[in-house]
């Protein structure tokens, strides 16, 4: 993880320390609960304006195409 953080210009030690704080963990739990309440199955996830859900990086392009197509017909 440290190498990845360094690769994007983040300080690994500071970033990992921040991620371990209770407030950050609580925020993650809250965001996960919100996603679950919205019916989102995981990440990445794209929900279109008409409620269609596309889950997974391999479905992103399909979801964007769907959103473009249905927004024109709306």
N, C-alpha and C. Protein backbone atom coordinates (compact mmCIF):
# COMPACT_ATOMS: atom_id res chain seq x y z
N UNK A 1 0.83 -1.18 0.00
CA UNK A 1 0.00 0.00 0.00
C UNK A 1 0.87 1.25 0.00
N UNK A 2 1.96 1.20 0.75
CA UNK A 2 2.84 2.36 0.83
C UNK A 2 3.38 2.76 -0.54
N UNK A 3 3.76 1.78 -1.35
CA UNK A 3 4.28 2.10 -2.70
C UNK A 3 3.20 2.77 -3.55
N UNK A 4 1.97 2.31 -3.44
CA UNK A 4 0.89 2.92 -4.21
C UNK A 4 0.64 4.36 -3.76
N UNK A 5 0.65 4.59 -2.47
CA UNK A 5 0.46 5.94 -1.96
C UNK A 5 1.59 6.86 -2.43
N UNK A 6 2.81 6.37 -2.38
CA UNK A 6 3.94 7.16 -2.87
C UNK A 6 3.80 7.47 -4.35
N UNK A 7 3.31 6.51 -5.12
CA UNK A 7 3.16 6.68 -6.56
C UNK A 7 2.19 7.80 -6.92
N UNK A 8 1.21 8.05 -6.06
CA UNK A 8 0.25 9.12 -6.33
C UNK A 8 0.60 10.40 -5.57
N UNK A 9 1.81 10.41 -4.96
CA UNK A 9 2.29 11.63 -4.31
C UNK A 9 1.83 11.82 -2.88
N UNK A 10 1.29 10.78 -2.25
CA UNK A 10 0.84 10.89 -0.86
C UNK A 10 1.92 10.38 0.08
N UNK A 11 1.95 10.91 1.28
CA UNK A 11 2.86 10.46 2.32
C UNK A 11 2.26 9.19 2.94
N UNK A 12 2.86 8.03 2.70
CA UNK A 12 2.27 6.78 3.19
C UNK A 12 2.04 6.76 4.70
N UNK A 13 3.02 7.20 5.46
CA UNK A 13 2.89 7.15 6.92
C UNK A 13 1.73 8.00 7.40
N UNK A 14 1.63 9.22 6.92
CA UNK A 14 0.56 10.13 7.34
C UNK A 14 -0.80 9.64 6.86
N UNK A 15 -0.85 9.16 5.63
CA UNK A 15 -2.12 8.69 5.06
C UNK A 15 -2.65 7.48 5.80
N UNK A 16 -1.78 6.52 6.07
CA UNK A 16 -2.21 5.32 6.79
C UNK A 16 -2.61 5.64 8.22
N UNK A 17 -1.92 6.58 8.85
CA UNK A 17 -2.29 6.99 10.20
C UNK A 17 -3.67 7.64 10.20
N UNK A 18 -3.93 8.48 9.22
CA UNK A 18 -5.23 9.14 9.10
C UNK A 18 -6.34 8.12 8.87
N UNK A 19 -6.07 7.15 8.01
CA UNK A 19 -7.08 6.13 7.69
C UNK A 19 -7.43 5.28 8.90
N UNK A 20 -6.54 5.22 9.87
CA UNK A 20 -6.76 4.39 11.06
C UNK A 20 -7.51 5.13 12.16
N UNK A 21 -7.81 6.40 11.96
CA UNK A 21 -8.52 7.18 12.97
C UNK A 21 -9.99 6.76 13.04
N UNK A 22 -10.54 6.80 14.24
CA UNK A 22 -11.94 6.43 14.46
C UNK A 22 -12.92 7.22 13.61
N UNK A 23 -12.69 8.52 13.45
CA UNK A 23 -13.62 9.35 12.69
C UNK A 23 -13.68 8.92 11.23
N UNK A 24 -12.52 8.53 10.68
CA UNK A 24 -12.48 8.09 9.28
C UNK A 24 -13.20 6.75 9.14
N UNK A 25 -12.97 5.84 10.08
CA UNK A 25 -13.65 4.55 10.04
C UNK A 25 -15.16 4.72 10.20
N UNK A 26 -15.57 5.63 11.08
CA UNK A 26 -17.00 5.89 11.27
C UNK A 26 -17.63 6.46 10.00
N UNK A 27 -16.90 7.35 9.32
CA UNK A 27 -17.41 7.93 8.07
C UNK A 27 -17.57 6.86 7.00
N UNK A 28 -16.59 5.94 6.92
CA UNK A 28 -16.68 4.85 5.96
C UNK A 28 -17.90 3.98 6.24
N UNK A 29 -18.13 3.65 7.49
CA UNK A 29 -19.30 2.85 7.86
C UNK A 29 -20.60 3.56 7.49
N UNK A 30 -20.65 4.88 7.72
CA UNK A 30 -21.83 5.66 7.38
C UNK A 30 -22.07 5.67 5.87
N UNK A 31 -21.00 5.88 5.09
CA UNK A 31 -21.13 5.91 3.65
C UNK A 31 -21.56 4.55 3.10
N UNK A 32 -21.03 3.47 3.68
CA UNK A 32 -21.42 2.12 3.26
C UNK A 32 -22.88 1.86 3.57
N UNK A 33 -23.35 2.31 4.73
CA UNK A 33 -24.76 2.15 5.10
C UNK A 33 -25.66 2.93 4.14
N UNK A 34 -25.23 4.13 3.76
CA UNK A 34 -26.00 4.94 2.81
C UNK A 34 -26.09 4.23 1.46
N UNK A 35 -24.97 3.70 0.99
CA UNK A 35 -24.95 2.99 -0.29
C UNK A 35 -25.86 1.77 -0.24
N UNK A 36 -25.82 1.04 0.86
CA UNK A 36 -26.67 -0.14 1.01
C UNK A 36 -28.15 0.26 1.01
N UNK A 37 -28.48 1.35 1.71
CA UNK A 37 -29.86 1.83 1.75
C UNK A 37 -30.35 2.25 0.36
N UNK A 38 -29.42 2.71 -0.48
CA UNK A 38 -29.77 3.10 -1.85
C UNK A 38 -29.85 1.91 -2.79
N UNK A 39 -29.44 0.74 -2.29
CA UNK A 39 -29.47 -0.46 -3.12
C UNK A 39 -28.25 -0.65 -3.99
N UNK A 40 -27.17 0.05 -3.68
CA UNK A 40 -25.94 -0.08 -4.47
C UNK A 40 -25.19 -1.33 -4.01
N UNK A 41 -24.83 -2.21 -4.92
CA UNK A 41 -24.24 -3.49 -4.56
C UNK A 41 -22.76 -3.45 -4.22
N UNK A 42 -22.03 -2.43 -4.63
CA UNK A 42 -20.60 -2.37 -4.37
C UNK A 42 -19.96 -1.24 -5.13
N UNK A 43 -18.65 -1.26 -5.21
CA UNK A 43 -17.94 -0.19 -5.88
C UNK A 43 -16.98 -0.78 -6.90
N UNK A 44 -16.80 -0.14 -8.01
CA UNK A 44 -17.51 1.06 -8.42
C UNK A 44 -18.93 0.73 -8.87
N UNK A 45 -19.78 1.71 -8.72
CA UNK A 45 -21.19 1.52 -9.05
C UNK A 45 -21.72 2.80 -9.69
N UNK A 46 -22.50 2.65 -10.73
CA UNK A 46 -23.12 3.78 -11.41
C UNK A 46 -24.62 3.59 -11.40
N UNK A 47 -25.34 4.55 -10.84
CA UNK A 47 -26.80 4.52 -10.85
C UNK A 47 -27.27 5.64 -11.79
N UNK A 48 -28.06 5.29 -12.80
CA UNK A 48 -28.52 6.27 -13.77
C UNK A 48 -29.76 6.99 -13.26
N UNK A 49 -30.14 8.05 -13.95
CA UNK A 49 -31.28 8.85 -13.53
C UNK A 49 -32.58 8.06 -13.50
N UNK A 50 -32.65 7.00 -14.28
CA UNK A 50 -33.88 6.19 -14.30
C UNK A 50 -33.82 4.99 -13.36
N UNK A 51 -32.76 4.94 -12.51
CA UNK A 51 -32.68 3.90 -11.50
C UNK A 51 -31.95 2.64 -11.90
N UNK A 52 -31.44 2.58 -13.12
CA UNK A 52 -30.67 1.40 -13.55
C UNK A 52 -29.31 1.43 -12.84
N UNK A 53 -28.85 0.28 -12.37
CA UNK A 53 -27.59 0.20 -11.65
C UNK A 53 -26.59 -0.65 -12.43
N UNK A 54 -25.39 -0.12 -12.60
CA UNK A 54 -24.30 -0.82 -13.27
C UNK A 54 -23.18 -0.96 -12.25
N UNK A 55 -22.80 -2.20 -11.95
CA UNK A 55 -21.83 -2.48 -10.90
C UNK A 55 -20.57 -3.09 -11.49
N UNK A 56 -19.45 -2.50 -11.15
CA UNK A 56 -18.15 -3.02 -11.56
C UNK A 56 -17.52 -2.17 -12.64
N UNK A 57 -16.21 -2.11 -12.61
CA UNK A 57 -15.47 -1.32 -13.58
C UNK A 57 -15.73 -1.78 -15.01
N UNK A 58 -15.97 -3.08 -15.17
CA UNK A 58 -16.23 -3.61 -16.51
C UNK A 58 -17.60 -3.21 -17.04
N UNK A 59 -18.44 -2.61 -16.23
CA UNK A 59 -19.77 -2.16 -16.66
C UNK A 59 -19.89 -0.64 -16.78
N UNK A 60 -18.82 0.08 -16.49
CA UNK A 60 -18.86 1.54 -16.51
C UNK A 60 -19.26 2.09 -17.87
N UNK A 61 -18.60 1.63 -18.92
CA UNK A 61 -18.92 2.13 -20.27
C UNK A 61 -20.37 1.81 -20.64
N UNK A 62 -20.82 0.61 -20.30
CA UNK A 62 -22.20 0.22 -20.57
C UNK A 62 -23.17 1.16 -19.83
N UNK A 63 -22.85 1.47 -18.59
CA UNK A 63 -23.69 2.38 -17.81
C UNK A 63 -23.72 3.78 -18.38
N UNK A 64 -22.57 4.27 -18.82
CA UNK A 64 -22.53 5.60 -19.42
C UNK A 64 -23.32 5.64 -20.73
N UNK A 65 -23.19 4.59 -21.53
CA UNK A 65 -23.97 4.51 -22.77
C UNK A 65 -25.47 4.49 -22.47
N UNK A 66 -25.85 3.71 -21.46
CA UNK A 66 -27.26 3.62 -21.05
C UNK A 66 -27.77 5.01 -20.65
N UNK A 67 -26.99 5.70 -19.83
CA UNK A 67 -27.39 7.02 -19.34
C UNK A 67 -27.56 8.01 -20.49
N UNK A 68 -26.63 7.98 -21.46
CA UNK A 68 -26.72 8.87 -22.61
C UNK A 68 -27.96 8.55 -23.45
N UNK A 69 -28.17 7.27 -23.70
CA UNK A 69 -29.29 6.84 -24.53
C UNK A 69 -30.64 7.19 -23.91
N UNK A 70 -30.77 6.92 -22.62
CA UNK A 70 -32.07 7.16 -21.97
C UNK A 70 -32.31 8.62 -21.68
N UNK A 71 -31.26 9.42 -21.53
CA UNK A 71 -31.46 10.85 -21.29
C UNK A 71 -31.97 11.55 -22.54
N UNK A 72 -31.62 11.03 -23.69
CA UNK A 72 -32.10 11.61 -24.96
C UNK A 72 -33.57 11.29 -25.19
N UNK A 73 -34.00 10.12 -24.72
CA UNK A 73 -35.38 9.72 -24.96
C UNK A 73 -36.32 10.20 -23.88
N UNK A 74 -35.77 10.80 -22.80
CA UNK A 74 -36.61 11.24 -21.68
C UNK A 74 -37.25 12.58 -21.97
